[in-house]
Amino acid sequence: MRRASQMFDFIGFKEGAMAFLLAFALAGLFTIAFKYVYQWVTPYNEKALIREGNTAAAIALAGALIGYVLPLASALSHTVSLPEFAAWATLAGVIQIAAFTGVRIVALPDVKTRIESGEVSIGVYLAGISIAVGLLNAACMTT
């Protein structure tokens, strides 16, 4: 027979599950919003390029999404309220967009042509920058 301390706490689980579902849904909405803003900011049409089989565009977009959700995960772990999470999620998106814009202006003024031509190396480079920025962003949210 189990002791009372070993019993499943359904009420506690229910409350935790509701908080989980709310946080997960909010994080999902922020991720979708980021994806649309990122695609609006880029000088090329990721959706069309990816449908055409452009690997460079797919890698760059995947890296941007990973780079964004890394700080989102950190924010979910370190914030105490949904409004605080929303503020950090917004800041993370602004930082990712600013990083892409800065790299595009300073280092890759020809990024549109290179992505549209399917140059995989530029897609990997952009993905790497996005993920690196996301890791730094996430680490800075832990203080």
Protein backbone atom coordinates (compact mmCIF):
# COMPACT_ATOMS: atom_id res chain seq x y z
CA MET A 1 0.00 0.00 0.00
CA ARG A 2 1.24 3.52 -0.79
CA ARG A 3 1.75 6.16 1.81
CA ALA A 4 -0.18 9.42 1.45
CA SER A 5 3.01 11.27 0.40
CA GLN A 6 3.39 8.92 -2.56
CA MET A 7 -0.12 9.42 -3.91
CA PHE A 8 -0.67 11.31 -7.12
CA ASP A 9 -1.74 14.88 -6.40
CA PHE A 10 -4.40 15.37 -9.05
CA ILE A 11 -5.34 18.89 -7.89
CA GLY A 12 -1.71 20.02 -7.96
CA PHE A 13 -1.24 18.40 -11.35
CA LYS A 14 -4.38 20.06 -12.72
CA GLU A 15 -3.21 23.51 -11.59
CA GLY A 16 0.29 22.88 -12.95
CA ALA A 17 -1.06 21.54 -16.23
CA MET A 18 -3.25 24.60 -16.73
CA ALA A 19 -0.27 26.89 -16.10
CA PHE A 20 1.80 24.78 -18.51
CA LEU A 21 -0.83 24.93 -21.24
CA LEU A 22 -1.24 28.69 -20.87
CA ALA A 23 2.53 29.31 -20.97
CA PHE A 24 2.99 26.90 -23.89
CA ALA A 25 0.19 28.55 -25.88
CA LEU A 26 1.55 32.03 -25.20
CA ALA A 27 5.07 30.95 -26.20
CA GLY A 28 3.64 29.42 -29.37
CA LEU A 29 1.81 32.64 -30.24
CA PHE A 30 4.97 34.68 -29.67
CA THR A 31 6.93 32.27 -31.88
CA ILE A 32 4.39 32.56 -34.68
CA ALA A 33 4.36 36.35 -34.37
CA PHE A 34 8.18 36.40 -34.48
CA LYS A 35 8.18 34.22 -37.60
CA TYR A 36 5.85 36.62 -39.41
CA VAL A 37 7.79 39.72 -38.35
CA TYR A 38 11.09 38.07 -39.30
CA GLN A 39 9.72 37.12 -42.71
CA TRP A 40 8.42 40.66 -43.18
CA VAL A 41 11.86 42.13 -42.35
CA THR A 42 13.89 39.86 -44.62
CA PRO A 43 14.40 41.12 -48.17
CA TYR A 44 13.38 37.76 -49.69
CA ASN A 45 10.21 35.66 -49.55
CA GLU A 46 11.04 32.64 -47.37
CA LYS A 47 7.65 31.02 -47.87
CA ALA A 48 7.94 31.01 -51.66
CA LEU A 49 11.62 30.06 -51.63
CA ILE A 50 11.10 27.17 -49.23
CA ARG A 51 8.15 25.90 -51.31
CA GLU A 52 10.50 25.94 -54.30
CA GLY A 53 13.01 23.81 -52.38
CA ASN A 54 15.49 26.54 -51.48
CA THR A 55 17.60 24.96 -48.73
CA ALA A 56 19.43 28.19 -47.89
CA ALA A 57 16.17 29.99 -47.06
CA ALA A 58 14.95 27.03 -44.98
CA ILE A 59 18.19 26.86 -42.98
CA ALA A 60 18.21 30.62 -42.34
CA LEU A 61 14.58 30.62 -41.18
CA ALA A 62 15.06 27.52 -39.01
CA GLY A 63 18.09 29.15 -37.38
CA ALA A 64 16.13 32.33 -36.72
CA LEU A 65 13.33 30.34 -35.08
CA ILE A 66 15.76 28.34 -32.94
CA GLY A 67 17.60 31.54 -32.04
CA TYR A 68 14.31 33.06 -30.93
CA VAL A 69 12.94 30.14 -28.90
CA LEU A 70 16.17 29.71 -26.92
CA PRO A 71 15.60 32.95 -24.98
CA LEU A 72 11.88 32.16 -24.83
CA ALA A 73 12.71 28.93 -23.01
CA SER A 74 14.97 30.85 -20.66
CA ALA A 75 12.29 33.45 -20.04
CA LEU A 76 9.74 30.74 -19.27
CA SER A 77 12.15 29.26 -16.73
CA HIS A 78 13.08 32.51 -15.04
CA THR A 79 10.00 34.71 -15.01
CA VAL A 80 7.25 34.65 -12.42
CA SER A 81 4.32 36.00 -14.43
CA LEU A 82 2.96 35.91 -17.95
CA PRO A 83 3.27 39.70 -18.41
CA GLU A 84 6.95 39.48 -17.44
CA PHE A 85 7.39 36.59 -19.87
CA ALA A 86 5.69 38.61 -22.61
CA ALA A 87 8.08 41.52 -22.02
CA TRP A 88 11.14 39.25 -22.28
CA ALA A 89 9.70 37.49 -25.35
CA THR A 90 9.20 40.84 -27.05
CA LEU A 91 12.73 41.95 -26.19
CA ALA A 92 14.13 38.66 -27.51
CA GLY A 93 12.36 39.19 -30.83
CA VAL A 94 13.60 42.77 -31.12
CA ILE A 95 17.17 41.62 -30.47
CA GLN A 96 16.94 38.83 -33.07
CA ILE A 97 15.52 41.19 -35.71
CA ALA A 98 18.15 43.83 -34.89
CA ALA A 99 20.93 41.23 -35.19
CA PHE A 100 19.66 40.08 -38.58
CA THR A 101 19.30 43.67 -39.79
CA GLY A 102 22.78 44.60 -38.58
CA VAL A 103 24.40 41.59 -40.24
CA ARG A 104 22.48 42.22 -43.44
CA ILE A 105 23.54 45.87 -43.61
CA VAL A 106 27.14 45.52 -42.44
CA ALA A 107 28.34 42.09 -43.55
CA LEU A 108 25.88 40.78 -46.14
CA PRO A 109 24.44 43.52 -48.35
CA ASP A 110 23.98 40.86 -51.05
CA VAL A 111 22.06 38.44 -48.81
CA LYS A 112 18.88 38.64 -50.92
CA THR A 113 20.64 37.49 -54.08
CA ARG A 114 22.62 34.81 -52.28
CA ILE A 115 19.60 33.32 -50.47
CA GLU A 116 17.43 33.47 -53.60
CA SER A 117 20.14 31.66 -55.56
CA GLY A 118 20.15 28.92 -52.91
CA GLU A 119 23.66 29.49 -51.55
CA VAL A 120 23.58 27.09 -48.61
CA SER A 121 26.66 28.58 -46.94
CA ILE A 122 24.88 31.92 -46.42
CA GLY A 123 21.87 30.13 -44.95
CA VAL A 124 24.11 28.27 -42.51
CA TYR A 125 25.93 31.50 -41.63
CA LEU A 126 22.66 33.33 -40.92
CA ALA A 127 21.36 30.38 -38.89
CA GLY A 128 24.59 30.30 -36.89
CA ILE A 129 24.39 34.00 -36.11
CA SER A 130 20.74 33.68 -35.06
CA ILE A 131 21.46 30.74 -32.79
CA ALA A 132 24.53 32.45 -31.27
CA VAL A 133 22.51 35.60 -30.58
CA GLY A 134 19.73 33.49 -29.11
CA LEU A 135 22.12 31.68 -26.77
CA LEU A 136 23.61 34.94 -25.54
CA ASN A 137 20.15 36.41 -25.21
CA ALA A 138 18.98 33.42 -23.17
CA ALA A 139 22.05 33.52 -20.93
CA CYS A 140 21.55 37.21 -20.22
CA MET A 141 17.99 36.52 -19.07
CA THR A 142 19.21 34.28 -16.26
CA THR A 143 20.67 37.08 -14.15
